[in-house]
């Protein structure tokens, strides 16, 4: 492993007696020395066919990613929110770095600083909005209460300050480049930021609406790779040459089956009211229900959540991959293979979460359109966050409403 790494760096070699000697790497390598780069994996895998070597490396780090994901799920909704923020920051960095590497020769003033400043403003706005809505008890008094009251004003003022600073840093002969990068930054924040906002809402509305859509995209991605690896022959789309029709169809069927089975497991353990850690015994989606099959008149019993998994799985299989195709087109435009090389066999975080972008939008819209029901526990939480006088006013209004008319 050390030998492979040092050869990959290109400045050290290791002799057979394990003594190191430093030398510059020549243009032509001796024939008896096979250069091993970091992307080719460990020496133990260097003799394996590249196709299978990538299979093992990709599979190994997939299990690591799933394990890390499971740890954050176990830690609770706030830990998941922090994980989502971390992923957002890293994806933002990967995309912005591409623009910086292309235009760094212009030495634009405050370019990097303003990028991260606008990112900070977006994070304060999105995270603050969700926390104020779902955790009002955190903002009862003191500085948090002031922040909640003036949250939008604070974020707007911060953004205006960054906007003014950008205008003041405009340089003659570089206007086009600076406005291009300004648009680059804002488009990136829009595509990634709205995704983060919706994903956080899904988490706080219930683990079901976060875990099921995310797992469907993961399942679709893995099964598309597996079916394409073993059976793929027909190219699917020019933007992504490795995608095949066999992988696309196999992933569709696998994702439908996974969605129904996994939604049954989630419904069985009532994983909906996740943000407040309360049970969901009264949630209609998680109550066993009898359905009549049209035409044949047969009766079947299932959780309503299992039916809702079908449109989600269909979107994850047929539409969400276009987020990946979009990312592939973006990378081709800048002649790069991956957004980064953080995860061996996978690339950057953006390479792994490109399809999640559309899925987060759809699952949020689907939930708020078809599935959201009044939550008594959340209403009580909001009432408890009121002052004593406001609580008494609510009590009197309810008493007046339900007072018998006779």
Protein backbone atom coordinates (compact mmCIF):
# COMPACT_ATOMS: atom_id res chain seq x y z
CA UNK A 1 0.00 0.00 0.00
CA UNK A 2 2.81 2.43 0.91
CA UNK A 3 4.70 1.50 -2.24
CA UNK A 4 1.62 2.13 -4.40
CA UNK A 5 0.95 5.46 -2.72
CA UNK A 6 4.53 6.69 -3.02
CA UNK A 7 4.75 5.70 -6.65
CA UNK A 8 1.41 7.37 -7.28
CA UNK A 9 2.70 10.62 -5.77
CA UNK A 10 5.61 10.43 -8.16
CA UNK A 11 8.48 11.41 -5.85
CA UNK A 12 9.38 8.30 -3.84
CA UNK A 13 10.05 4.64 -4.63
CA UNK A 14 10.57 1.66 -2.38
CA UNK A 15 13.29 -0.87 -3.07
CA UNK A 16 12.94 -4.58 -2.38
CA UNK A 17 14.78 -4.32 0.94
CA UNK A 18 12.17 -1.72 2.05
CA UNK A 19 14.70 1.13 2.15
CA UNK A 20 13.42 4.33 0.60
CA UNK A 21 15.39 6.52 -1.72
CA UNK A 22 14.19 9.84 -3.01
CA UNK A 23 14.45 10.74 -6.67
CA UNK A 24 12.55 12.85 -9.21
CA UNK A 25 10.18 10.99 -11.46
CA UNK A 26 11.51 10.83 -14.99
CA UNK A 27 9.36 11.24 -18.06
CA UNK A 28 9.88 7.63 -19.10
CA UNK A 29 9.49 4.92 -16.50
CA UNK A 30 11.65 1.80 -16.59
CA UNK A 31 9.82 -1.10 -18.15
CA UNK A 32 10.09 -3.23 -15.05
CA UNK A 33 8.35 -0.61 -12.93
CA UNK A 34 4.57 -0.32 -13.20
CA UNK A 35 3.27 3.00 -12.02
CA UNK A 36 0.29 2.69 -9.69
CA UNK A 37 -1.82 5.78 -9.19
CA UNK A 38 -4.17 6.48 -6.33
CA UNK A 39 -7.22 5.96 -8.54
CA UNK A 40 -6.22 2.41 -9.39
CA UNK A 41 -6.72 1.16 -5.86
CA UNK A 42 -4.51 -0.90 -3.55
CA UNK A 43 -1.71 -3.12 -4.84
CA UNK A 44 -3.75 -6.18 -3.87
CA UNK A 45 -6.29 -5.15 -6.52
CA UNK A 46 -3.82 -3.86 -9.13
CA UNK A 47 -3.60 -7.22 -10.90
CA UNK A 48 -7.40 -7.52 -11.20
CA UNK A 49 -9.22 -6.49 -14.35
CA UNK A 50 -9.97 -2.73 -14.11
CA UNK A 51 -13.70 -3.35 -14.47
CA UNK A 52 -13.79 -5.68 -11.45
CA UNK A 53 -11.31 -3.57 -9.50
CA UNK A 54 -13.65 -0.57 -9.77
CA UNK A 55 -16.53 -2.88 -8.74
CA UNK A 56 -14.83 -3.87 -5.47
CA UNK A 57 -13.61 -0.37 -4.62
CA UNK A 58 -17.01 1.17 -5.37
CA UNK A 59 -18.82 -1.51 -3.37
CA UNK A 60 -16.52 -1.21 -0.35
CA UNK A 61 -16.97 2.54 -0.03
CA UNK A 62 -20.71 2.23 -0.65
CA UNK A 63 -20.99 0.16 2.53
CA UNK A 64 -18.95 2.77 4.40
CA UNK A 65 -21.24 5.57 3.21
CA UNK A 66 -24.36 3.61 4.18
CA UNK A 67 -22.87 2.94 7.63
CA UNK A 68 -22.15 6.64 8.22
CA UNK A 69 -25.66 7.46 7.04
CA UNK A 70 -27.15 4.95 9.51
CA UNK A 71 -25.20 6.51 12.40
CA UNK A 72 -26.64 9.96 11.70
CA UNK A 73 -30.15 8.51 11.46
CA UNK A 74 -29.71 6.91 14.87
CA UNK A 75 -28.51 10.23 16.36
CA UNK A 76 -31.76 12.00 15.53
CA UNK A 77 -33.21 14.75 13.31
CA UNK A 78 -30.87 17.54 14.39
CA UNK A 79 -27.84 15.37 13.66
CA UNK A 80 -29.34 14.59 10.24
CA UNK A 81 -29.81 18.32 9.66
CA UNK A 82 -26.12 18.88 10.44
CA UNK A 83 -25.17 16.10 8.03
CA UNK A 84 -27.30 17.68 5.31
CA UNK A 85 -25.64 21.05 5.89
CA UNK A 86 -22.20 19.44 5.69
CA UNK A 87 -23.07 17.74 2.39
CA UNK A 88 -24.42 21.02 1.03
CA UNK A 89 -21.22 22.89 1.92
CA UNK A 90 -19.01 20.23 0.32
CA UNK A 91 -21.11 20.07 -2.87
CA UNK A 92 -21.06 23.87 -3.08
CA UNK A 93 -17.28 23.84 -2.69
CA UNK A 94 -16.87 21.25 -5.47
CA UNK A 95 -18.92 23.24 -7.98
CA UNK A 96 -17.45 26.64 -7.08
CA UNK A 97 -13.91 25.22 -7.30
CA UNK A 98 -14.53 24.38 -10.96
CA UNK A 99 -15.35 28.02 -11.68
CA UNK A 100 -12.40 29.24 -9.62
CA UNK A 101 -9.95 26.98 -11.44
CA UNK A 102 -11.23 28.28 -14.76
CA UNK A 103 -11.11 31.98 -13.90
CA UNK A 104 -8.40 32.22 -11.22
CA UNK A 105 -5.96 33.72 -13.72
CA UNK A 106 -7.97 36.95 -13.60
CA UNK A 107 -7.19 37.44 -9.90
CA UNK A 108 -10.65 38.87 -9.16
CA UNK A 109 -10.95 40.72 -5.82
CA UNK A 110 -12.90 39.01 -3.04
CA UNK A 111 -14.22 36.36 -5.42
CA UNK A 112 -13.76 33.41 -3.06
CA UNK A 113 -14.71 35.42 0.02
CA UNK A 114 -18.01 36.57 -1.49
CA UNK A 115 -18.82 33.01 -2.59
CA UNK A 116 -18.57 31.74 0.98
CA UNK A 117 -20.29 34.82 2.36
CA UNK A 118 -23.36 34.25 0.17
CA UNK A 119 -23.30 30.58 1.17
CA UNK A 120 -23.32 31.58 4.85
CA UNK A 121 -26.33 33.85 4.30
CA UNK A 122 -28.20 31.04 2.52
CA UNK A 123 -27.46 28.59 5.34
CA UNK A 124 -28.65 31.03 8.02
CA UNK A 125 -31.87 31.65 6.12
CA UNK A 126 -32.71 28.00 5.30
CA UNK A 127 -31.65 26.47 8.61
CA UNK A 128 -33.17 29.26 10.67
CA UNK A 129 -36.51 29.07 8.84
CA UNK A 130 -36.85 25.33 9.46
CA UNK A 131 -35.74 25.44 13.10
CA UNK A 132 -38.08 28.33 13.93
CA UNK A 133 -40.97 26.42 12.34
CA UNK A 134 -40.34 22.97 13.80
CA UNK A 135 -38.60 23.79 17.10
CA UNK A 136 -40.32 26.96 18.40
CA UNK A 137 -39.40 25.99 21.97
CA UNK A 138 -35.77 26.86 21.14
CA UNK A 139 -36.75 30.51 20.53
CA UNK A 140 -38.85 31.41 23.55
CA UNK A 141 -36.80 34.23 25.06
CA UNK A 142 -33.52 36.08 25.03
CA UNK A 143 -31.28 36.27 21.98
CA UNK A 144 -32.93 33.28 20.19
CA UNK A 145 -36.30 35.04 20.47
CA UNK A 146 -34.83 38.21 18.95
CA UNK A 147 -33.24 36.16 16.16
CA UNK A 148 -36.56 34.43 15.38
CA UNK A 149 -38.41 37.76 15.32
CA UNK A 150 -35.96 39.49 12.97
CA UNK A 151 -34.68 36.41 11.11
CA UNK A 152 -35.77 37.47 7.63
CA UNK A 153 -34.60 41.05 8.15
CA UNK A 154 -31.19 39.85 9.32
CA UNK A 155 -30.77 37.55 6.31
CA UNK A 156 -31.95 40.23 3.88
CA UNK A 157 -29.54 42.80 5.36
CA UNK A 158 -26.64 40.34 5.15
CA UNK A 159 -27.42 39.58 1.51
CA UNK A 160 -27.68 43.27 0.59
CA UNK A 161 -24.27 43.87 2.18
CA UNK A 162 -22.75 41.11 0.01
CA UNK A 163 -24.52 42.47 -3.06
CA UNK A 164 -23.10 45.97 -2.46
CA UNK A 165 -19.61 44.54 -1.90
CA UNK A 166 -19.81 42.68 -5.22
CA UNK A 167 -20.73 45.87 -7.07
CA UNK A 168 -17.87 47.75 -5.39
CA UNK A 169 -15.35 45.08 -6.48
CA UNK A 170 -16.25 45.24 -10.17
CA UNK A 171 -13.13 45.79 -12.29
CA UNK A 172 -12.94 47.32 -15.73
CA UNK A 173 -12.33 44.78 -18.54
CA UNK A 174 -13.53 41.94 -16.25
CA UNK A 175 -17.23 42.75 -15.99
CA UNK A 176 -18.34 39.76 -18.06
CA UNK A 177 -16.24 37.32 -16.04
CA UNK A 178 -17.39 38.75 -12.70
CA UNK A 179 -21.08 38.68 -13.62
CA UNK A 180 -20.67 35.15 -14.99
CA UNK A 181 -19.26 34.01 -11.65
CA UNK A 182 -21.92 35.95 -9.75
CA UNK A 183 -24.58 34.05 -11.69
CA UNK A 184 -22.63 30.81 -11.18
CA UNK A 185 -22.67 31.30 -7.42
CA UNK A 186 -26.38 32.14 -7.23
CA UNK A 187 -27.45 29.33 -9.55
CA UNK A 188 -25.46 26.87 -7.43
CA UNK A 189 -27.06 28.20 -4.24
CA UNK A 190 -30.51 27.95 -5.82
CA UNK A 191 -30.13 24.36 -7.05
CA UNK A 192 -28.42 23.09 -3.90
CA UNK A 193 -29.97 25.44 -1.34
CA UNK A 194 -33.59 24.68 -2.22
CA UNK A 195 -32.72 20.99 -2.09
CA UNK A 196 -31.30 21.40 1.43
CA UNK A 197 -34.37 23.36 2.53
CA UNK A 198 -36.77 20.69 1.26
CA UNK A 199 -34.72 17.79 2.63
CA UNK A 200 -34.67 19.41 6.08
CA UNK A 201 -38.44 19.80 5.91
CA UNK A 202 -38.76 16.13 4.97
CA UNK A 203 -36.65 15.18 7.99
CA UNK A 204 -38.68 17.30 10.40
CA UNK A 205 -42.01 16.16 8.93
CA UNK A 206 -41.07 12.54 9.53
CA UNK A 207 -38.29 10.04 8.98
CA UNK A 208 -40.50 8.23 6.47
CA UNK A 209 -40.45 11.20 4.07
CA UNK A 210 -36.69 11.47 4.29
CA UNK A 211 -35.49 7.90 4.47
CA UNK A 212 -37.78 6.34 1.85
CA UNK A 213 -37.04 8.80 -1.02
CA UNK A 214 -33.30 8.87 -0.27
CA UNK A 215 -33.09 5.08 -0.09
CA UNK A 216 -35.02 4.75 -3.36
CA UNK A 217 -32.47 6.86 -5.21
CA UNK A 218 -29.63 4.89 -3.62
CA UNK A 219 -31.30 1.60 -4.57
CA UNK A 220 -31.91 2.80 -8.12
CA UNK A 221 -28.32 3.96 -8.49
CA UNK A 222 -26.87 0.69 -7.17
CA UNK A 223 -29.17 -1.58 -9.17
CA UNK A 224 -28.62 0.42 -12.36
CA UNK A 225 -24.89 -0.14 -11.86
CA UNK A 226 -25.37 -3.87 -11.10
CA UNK A 227 -27.71 -4.61 -14.02
CA UNK A 228 -25.61 -2.50 -16.36
CA UNK A 229 -22.42 -4.21 -15.16
CA UNK A 230 -23.68 -7.72 -15.84
CA UNK A 231 -26.24 -7.27 -18.63
CA UNK A 232 -25.68 -3.79 -20.09
CA UNK A 233 -25.26 -3.67 -23.87
CA UNK A 234 -27.53 -0.90 -25.18
CA UNK A 235 -26.42 2.68 -24.48
CA UNK A 236 -29.13 4.80 -22.86
CA UNK A 237 -28.02 8.42 -23.37
CA UNK A 238 -25.00 10.12 -24.92
CA UNK A 239 -24.44 12.40 -21.92
CA UNK A 240 -23.61 9.37 -19.79
CA UNK A 241 -22.05 6.63 -21.97
CA UNK A 242 -21.93 4.06 -19.14
CA UNK A 243 -25.72 4.16 -18.63
CA UNK A 244 -27.58 1.34 -20.39
CA UNK A 245 -31.20 0.45 -21.06
CA UNK A 246 -30.71 -2.86 -19.28
CA UNK A 247 -29.52 -1.08 -16.16
CA UNK A 248 -32.31 1.50 -16.41
CA UNK A 249 -35.10 -1.11 -16.68
CA UNK A 250 -33.60 -3.43 -14.06
CA UNK A 251 -33.23 -0.54 -11.62
CA UNK A 252 -36.86 0.50 -12.20
CA UNK A 253 -38.23 -2.91 -11.21
CA UNK A 254 -35.85 -3.23 -8.26
CA UNK A 255 -36.76 0.23 -6.93
CA UNK A 256 -40.49 -0.54 -7.06
CA UNK A 257 -40.00 -3.72 -5.05
CA UNK A 258 -37.69 -1.97 -2.58
CA UNK A 259 -40.13 0.91 -2.13
CA UNK A 260 -43.06 -1.33 -1.22
CA UNK A 261 -41.03 -3.53 1.14
CA UNK A 262 -39.17 -0.68 2.84
CA UNK A 263 -42.32 1.43 3.26
CA UNK A 264 -43.90 -1.58 5.00
CA UNK A 265 -40.99 -1.71 7.45
CA UNK A 266 -41.13 2.04 8.11
CA UNK A 267 -44.92 1.97 8.54
CA UNK A 268 -44.69 -1.05 10.82
CA UNK A 269 -42.47 0.90 13.24
CA UNK A 270 -44.41 4.20 12.81
CA UNK A 271 -41.48 6.36 11.77
CA UNK A 272 -43.35 9.53 10.88
CA UNK A 273 -43.36 12.04 13.76
CA UNK A 274 -39.59 12.12 13.89
CA UNK A 275 -38.85 15.75 14.69
CA UNK A 276 -40.74 15.71 17.98
CA UNK A 277 -39.94 12.06 18.83
CA UNK A 278 -43.66 11.36 19.42
CA UNK A 279 -45.57 8.24 18.42
CA UNK A 280 -47.77 8.23 15.35
CA UNK A 281 -50.48 5.85 16.41
CA UNK A 282 -53.17 8.12 14.95
CA UNK A 283 -51.45 8.80 11.61
CA UNK A 284 -53.79 7.41 8.91
CA UNK A 285 -50.88 6.46 6.64
CA UNK A 286 -49.63 4.00 9.25
CA UNK A 287 -52.92 2.23 9.98
CA UNK A 288 -53.67 -1.13 8.38
CA UNK A 289 -56.41 -0.62 5.80
CA UNK A 290 -58.46 -2.79 3.47
CA UNK A 291 -58.57 -2.00 -0.25
CA UNK A 292 -60.71 -3.42 -3.04
CA UNK A 293 -58.96 -4.20 -6.31
CA UNK A 294 -60.96 -2.78 -9.25
CA UNK A 295 -62.50 -5.11 -11.84
CA UNK A 296 -61.79 -8.36 -9.99
CA UNK A 297 -63.31 -7.21 -6.68
CA UNK A 298 -60.65 -8.89 -4.54
CA UNK A 299 -59.78 -7.42 -1.14
CA UNK A 300 -56.28 -6.70 0.08
CA UNK A 301 -54.95 -5.21 3.31
CA UNK A 302 -51.90 -2.98 3.53
CA UNK A 303 -50.57 0.26 4.95
CA UNK A 304 -51.52 3.34 2.86
CA UNK A 305 -47.85 4.26 3.01
CA UNK A 306 -47.12 1.26 0.79
CA UNK A 307 -49.34 2.70 -1.94
CA UNK A 308 -47.65 6.09 -1.68
CA UNK A 309 -44.29 4.38 -2.26
CA UNK A 310 -45.27 3.47 -5.84
CA UNK A 311 -45.34 7.03 -7.31
CA UNK A 312 -42.21 7.86 -5.31
CA UNK A 313 -40.40 4.80 -6.69
CA UNK A 314 -41.57 5.61 -10.22
CA UNK A 315 -40.18 9.14 -9.98
CA UNK A 316 -36.92 7.89 -8.43
CA UNK A 317 -36.47 5.49 -11.36
CA UNK A 318 -37.68 7.49 -14.36
CA UNK A 319 -37.13 11.18 -13.54
CA UNK A 320 -34.52 11.47 -10.76
CA UNK A 321 -31.76 9.99 -13.00
CA UNK A 322 -32.04 13.10 -15.15
CA UNK A 323 -30.40 14.95 -12.27
CA UNK A 324 -27.42 12.69 -12.90
CA UNK A 325 -27.62 13.31 -16.65
CA UNK A 326 -27.66 17.05 -15.95
CA UNK A 327 -24.52 16.69 -13.82
CA UNK A 328 -22.89 14.58 -16.55
CA UNK A 329 -23.54 17.30 -19.10
CA UNK A 330 -22.09 19.89 -16.72
CA UNK A 331 -18.92 17.83 -16.25
CA UNK A 332 -18.57 17.29 -19.99
CA UNK A 333 -18.87 21.03 -20.56
CA UNK A 334 -15.76 21.53 -18.40
CA UNK A 335 -14.02 18.33 -19.55
CA UNK A 336 -13.81 16.73 -16.12
CA UNK A 337 -14.60 13.15 -15.11
CA UNK A 338 -15.80 13.77 -11.54
CA UNK A 339 -16.56 16.80 -9.41
CA UNK A 340 -13.86 15.72 -6.94
CA UNK A 341 -12.03 12.61 -5.72
CA UNK A 342 -13.20 12.49 -2.10
CA UNK A 343 -14.71 8.98 -2.30
CA UNK A 344 -12.64 6.35 -4.16
CA UNK A 345 -14.67 4.71 -6.89
CA UNK A 346 -17.40 7.35 -6.65
CA UNK A 347 -15.78 10.76 -7.14
CA UNK A 348 -17.04 13.74 -5.16
CA UNK A 349 -20.10 14.14 -2.98
CA UNK A 350 -21.83 15.96 -5.82
CA UNK A 351 -21.37 12.87 -7.98
CA UNK A 352 -23.34 10.88 -5.41
CA UNK A 353 -26.10 13.38 -4.66
CA UNK A 354 -26.93 14.71 -8.14
CA UNK A 355 -30.04 12.51 -8.46
CA UNK A 356 -31.13 13.32 -4.90
CA UNK A 357 -31.74 16.91 -5.98
CA UNK A 358 -34.88 16.24 -8.04
CA UNK A 359 -36.06 13.54 -5.63
CA UNK A 360 -35.97 15.95 -2.69
CA UNK A 361 -38.16 18.41 -4.60
CA UNK A 362 -40.67 15.78 -5.62
CA UNK A 363 -41.01 14.02 -2.26
CA UNK A 364 -41.59 17.36 -0.52
CA UNK A 365 -44.20 18.47 -3.06
CA UNK A 366 -45.88 15.05 -3.00
CA UNK A 367 -46.09 14.99 0.79
CA UNK A 368 -47.52 18.49 1.19
CA UNK A 369 -49.98 17.90 -1.68
CA UNK A 370 -51.34 14.43 -0.93
CA UNK A 371 -50.27 13.24 2.49
CA UNK A 372 -49.89 15.99 5.08
CA UNK A 373 -52.53 15.91 7.81
CA UNK A 374 -53.07 18.22 10.81
CA UNK A 375 -50.65 17.32 13.59
CA UNK A 376 -52.13 17.82 17.06
CA UNK A 377 -48.77 17.36 18.77
CA UNK A 378 -47.21 20.13 16.71
CA UNK A 379 -50.13 22.47 17.48
CA UNK A 380 -49.72 21.78 21.21
CA UNK A 381 -45.97 22.45 20.92
CA UNK A 382 -46.67 25.81 19.30
CA UNK A 383 -49.22 26.68 22.02
CA UNK A 384 -46.74 25.80 24.76
CA UNK A 385 -44.25 28.18 23.15
CA UNK A 386 -46.68 31.10 23.64
CA UNK A 387 -46.69 33.39 26.63
CA UNK A 388 -49.11 32.72 29.51
CA UNK A 389 -51.46 35.48 28.36
CA UNK A 390 -51.48 34.16 24.79
CA UNK A 391 -52.16 30.62 26.03
CA UNK A 392 -55.09 31.90 28.09
CA UNK A 393 -56.45 33.68 25.02
CA UNK A 394 -56.28 30.44 23.02
CA UNK A 395 -58.03 28.60 25.86
CA UNK A 396 -60.85 31.17 26.03
CA UNK A 397 -61.39 31.07 22.26
CA UNK A 398 -61.58 27.27 22.29
CA UNK A 399 -63.93 27.38 25.28
CA UNK A 400 -66.16 29.85 23.49
CA UNK A 401 -66.19 27.78 20.30
CA UNK A 402 -67.17 24.53 22.03
CA UNK A 403 -69.63 25.98 24.59
CA UNK A 404 -73.01 24.25 24.13
CA UNK A 405 -75.49 26.51 22.37
CA UNK A 406 -78.43 25.20 24.46
